[in-house]
Amino acid sequence: MVDGQDFSGSDDGVVWEPDTEVYPLELDGSDWQYLQLNGERLIWTSDLESLKNFVENCLQQQGK
């Protein structure tokens, strides 16, 4: 309690939401085979061009 605030457990009606975005995913693509979970990390096991294609088409996100 260095700054005088008490974080002991009262929520005072405040709802905490994580900084996570949720995206609908197209599960039809065969590129899902290249996405693997290693502990808490997602790993892409194919080349960069197929990753760009996956992000644009399956995740519907634009990148640079």
N, C-alpha and C. Protein backbone atom coordinates (compact mmCIF):
# COMPACT_ATOMS: atom_id res chain seq x y z
N MET A 1 0.84 -1.18 0.00
CA MET A 1 0.00 0.00 0.00
C MET A 1 0.88 1.24 0.00
N VAL A 2 1.74 1.36 -0.96
CA VAL A 2 2.68 2.47 -1.06
C VAL A 2 1.97 3.76 -1.42
N ASP A 3 1.00 3.71 -2.35
CA ASP A 3 0.34 4.93 -2.80
C ASP A 3 -0.95 5.24 -2.06
N GLY A 4 -1.24 4.51 -1.00
CA GLY A 4 -2.43 4.80 -0.21
C GLY A 4 -3.68 4.09 -0.67
N GLN A 5 -3.62 3.33 -1.74
CA GLN A 5 -4.78 2.60 -2.22
C GLN A 5 -4.80 1.21 -1.62
N ASP A 6 -5.99 0.73 -1.28
CA ASP A 6 -6.14 -0.59 -0.70
C ASP A 6 -6.74 -1.53 -1.73
N PHE A 7 -6.02 -2.56 -2.09
CA PHE A 7 -6.48 -3.55 -3.05
C PHE A 7 -6.79 -4.87 -2.35
N SER A 8 -7.36 -4.81 -1.15
CA SER A 8 -7.51 -6.01 -0.34
C SER A 8 -8.64 -6.93 -0.76
N GLY A 9 -9.56 -6.52 -1.64
CA GLY A 9 -10.56 -7.47 -2.08
C GLY A 9 -11.93 -6.90 -2.37
N SER A 10 -12.24 -5.73 -1.97
CA SER A 10 -13.54 -5.16 -2.28
C SER A 10 -13.57 -4.73 -3.74
N ASP A 11 -14.57 -5.22 -4.48
CA ASP A 11 -14.60 -4.87 -5.90
C ASP A 11 -15.39 -3.61 -6.18
N ASP A 12 -16.15 -3.11 -5.23
CA ASP A 12 -16.91 -1.87 -5.37
C ASP A 12 -17.74 -1.84 -6.65
N GLY A 13 -18.16 -3.00 -7.14
CA GLY A 13 -18.98 -3.07 -8.34
C GLY A 13 -18.22 -2.88 -9.63
N VAL A 14 -16.89 -2.83 -9.58
CA VAL A 14 -16.07 -2.64 -10.77
C VAL A 14 -15.87 -3.99 -11.45
N VAL A 15 -16.13 -4.02 -12.76
CA VAL A 15 -15.94 -5.23 -13.54
C VAL A 15 -14.62 -5.13 -14.26
N TRP A 16 -13.75 -6.13 -14.05
CA TRP A 16 -12.44 -6.15 -14.70
C TRP A 16 -12.55 -7.01 -15.95
N GLU A 17 -12.07 -6.47 -17.08
CA GLU A 17 -12.05 -7.21 -18.33
C GLU A 17 -10.63 -7.24 -18.85
N PRO A 18 -10.16 -8.42 -19.27
CA PRO A 18 -8.79 -8.50 -19.80
C PRO A 18 -8.66 -7.78 -21.14
N ASP A 19 -7.44 -7.43 -21.51
CA ASP A 19 -7.16 -6.76 -22.78
C ASP A 19 -7.01 -7.80 -23.90
N THR A 20 -8.06 -8.59 -24.11
CA THR A 20 -8.03 -9.65 -25.11
C THR A 20 -9.12 -9.41 -26.13
N GLU A 21 -8.77 -9.50 -27.40
CA GLU A 21 -9.76 -9.38 -28.46
C GLU A 21 -10.17 -10.77 -28.90
N VAL A 22 -11.44 -10.93 -29.22
CA VAL A 22 -11.96 -12.21 -29.67
C VAL A 22 -12.34 -12.08 -31.14
N TYR A 23 -11.90 -13.03 -31.95
CA TYR A 23 -12.19 -13.01 -33.38
C TYR A 23 -12.90 -14.29 -33.77
N PRO A 24 -13.92 -14.17 -34.62
CA PRO A 24 -14.53 -15.40 -35.17
C PRO A 24 -13.53 -16.06 -36.11
N LEU A 25 -13.43 -17.36 -36.06
CA LEU A 25 -12.44 -18.06 -36.86
C LEU A 25 -13.10 -18.95 -37.90
N GLU A 26 -12.55 -18.94 -39.10
CA GLU A 26 -13.00 -19.84 -40.16
C GLU A 26 -12.25 -21.15 -39.98
N LEU A 27 -12.94 -22.20 -39.59
CA LEU A 27 -12.28 -23.47 -39.30
C LEU A 27 -12.13 -24.38 -40.50
N ASP A 28 -12.51 -23.92 -41.69
CA ASP A 28 -12.45 -24.75 -42.88
C ASP A 28 -11.05 -24.89 -43.45
N GLY A 29 -10.18 -23.92 -43.24
CA GLY A 29 -8.87 -23.90 -43.89
C GLY A 29 -7.93 -25.00 -43.43
N SER A 30 -7.11 -25.47 -44.34
CA SER A 30 -6.14 -26.51 -44.00
C SER A 30 -4.91 -25.92 -43.30
N ASP A 31 -4.79 -24.59 -43.26
CA ASP A 31 -3.64 -23.95 -42.63
C ASP A 31 -3.61 -24.14 -41.11
N TRP A 32 -4.72 -24.57 -40.52
CA TRP A 32 -4.77 -24.78 -39.07
C TRP A 32 -3.74 -25.82 -38.62
N GLN A 33 -3.34 -26.72 -39.52
CA GLN A 33 -2.36 -27.74 -39.16
C GLN A 33 -1.00 -27.14 -38.81
N TYR A 34 -0.73 -25.91 -39.28
CA TYR A 34 0.55 -25.26 -39.02
C TYR A 34 0.58 -24.47 -37.71
N LEU A 35 -0.55 -24.38 -37.04
CA LEU A 35 -0.64 -23.64 -35.79
C LEU A 35 -0.60 -24.63 -34.63
N GLN A 36 0.42 -24.51 -33.78
CA GLN A 36 0.60 -25.44 -32.68
C GLN A 36 0.73 -24.69 -31.37
N LEU A 37 0.24 -25.30 -30.29
CA LEU A 37 0.35 -24.72 -28.96
C LEU A 37 1.52 -25.38 -28.26
N ASN A 38 2.47 -24.55 -27.82
CA ASN A 38 3.64 -25.03 -27.10
C ASN A 38 3.66 -24.32 -25.75
N GLY A 39 3.13 -24.97 -24.73
CA GLY A 39 2.98 -24.32 -23.43
C GLY A 39 1.94 -23.22 -23.54
N GLU A 40 2.34 -21.97 -23.34
CA GLU A 40 1.43 -20.83 -23.46
C GLU A 40 1.65 -20.07 -24.76
N ARG A 41 2.46 -20.61 -25.67
CA ARG A 41 2.78 -19.92 -26.92
C ARG A 41 2.16 -20.63 -28.11
N LEU A 42 1.69 -19.84 -29.07
CA LEU A 42 1.26 -20.38 -30.35
C LEU A 42 2.44 -20.28 -31.31
N ILE A 43 2.70 -21.36 -32.02
CA ILE A 43 3.83 -21.42 -32.94
C ILE A 43 3.33 -21.73 -34.34
N TRP A 44 3.79 -20.97 -35.32
CA TRP A 44 3.48 -21.21 -36.72
C TRP A 44 4.61 -22.03 -37.31
N THR A 45 4.30 -23.19 -37.88
CA THR A 45 5.35 -24.11 -38.31
C THR A 45 5.59 -24.10 -39.82
N SER A 46 4.92 -23.23 -40.57
CA SER A 46 5.13 -23.15 -42.01
C SER A 46 5.86 -21.86 -42.36
N ASP A 47 5.88 -21.51 -43.64
CA ASP A 47 6.63 -20.34 -44.09
C ASP A 47 5.87 -19.03 -43.85
N LEU A 48 6.57 -17.92 -44.04
CA LEU A 48 6.02 -16.59 -43.77
C LEU A 48 4.85 -16.26 -44.69
N GLU A 49 4.93 -16.63 -45.96
CA GLU A 49 3.84 -16.31 -46.89
C GLU A 49 2.54 -17.02 -46.50
N SER A 50 2.63 -18.27 -46.04
CA SER A 50 1.42 -18.98 -45.63
C SER A 50 0.87 -18.39 -44.33
N LEU A 51 1.74 -17.88 -43.46
CA LEU A 51 1.28 -17.19 -42.25
C LEU A 51 0.53 -15.92 -42.61
N LYS A 52 1.07 -15.14 -43.53
CA LYS A 52 0.39 -13.92 -43.98
C LYS A 52 -0.97 -14.24 -44.56
N ASN A 53 -1.04 -15.30 -45.36
CA ASN A 53 -2.29 -15.73 -45.96
C ASN A 53 -3.29 -16.16 -44.88
N PHE A 54 -2.83 -16.91 -43.89
CA PHE A 54 -3.67 -17.36 -42.78
C PHE A 54 -4.25 -16.18 -42.01
N VAL A 55 -3.40 -15.20 -41.68
CA VAL A 55 -3.85 -14.03 -40.91
C VAL A 55 -4.86 -13.23 -41.71
N GLU A 56 -4.63 -13.05 -42.99
CA GLU A 56 -5.54 -12.25 -43.81
C GLU A 56 -6.86 -12.97 -44.08
N ASN A 57 -6.81 -14.26 -44.40
CA ASN A 57 -8.02 -14.97 -44.81
C ASN A 57 -8.77 -15.61 -43.65
N CYS A 58 -8.09 -16.30 -42.75
CA CYS A 58 -8.77 -16.99 -41.65
C CYS A 58 -9.09 -16.04 -40.49
N LEU A 59 -8.13 -15.21 -40.13
CA LEU A 59 -8.35 -14.28 -39.02
C LEU A 59 -8.94 -12.96 -39.47
N GLN A 60 -8.94 -12.74 -40.77
CA GLN A 60 -9.48 -11.53 -41.39
C GLN A 60 -8.88 -10.27 -40.78
N GLN A 61 -7.54 -10.28 -40.66
CA GLN A 61 -6.79 -9.14 -40.15
C GLN A 61 -5.82 -8.68 -41.21
N GLN A 62 -5.64 -7.38 -41.33
CA GLN A 62 -4.70 -6.80 -42.27
C GLN A 62 -3.41 -6.47 -41.53
N GLY A 63 -2.28 -6.77 -42.15
CA GLY A 63 -1.00 -6.49 -41.51
C GLY A 63 -0.09 -5.70 -42.44
N LYS A 64 1.06 -5.35 -41.93
CA LYS A 64 2.06 -4.63 -42.71
C LYS A 64 3.22 -5.56 -42.96
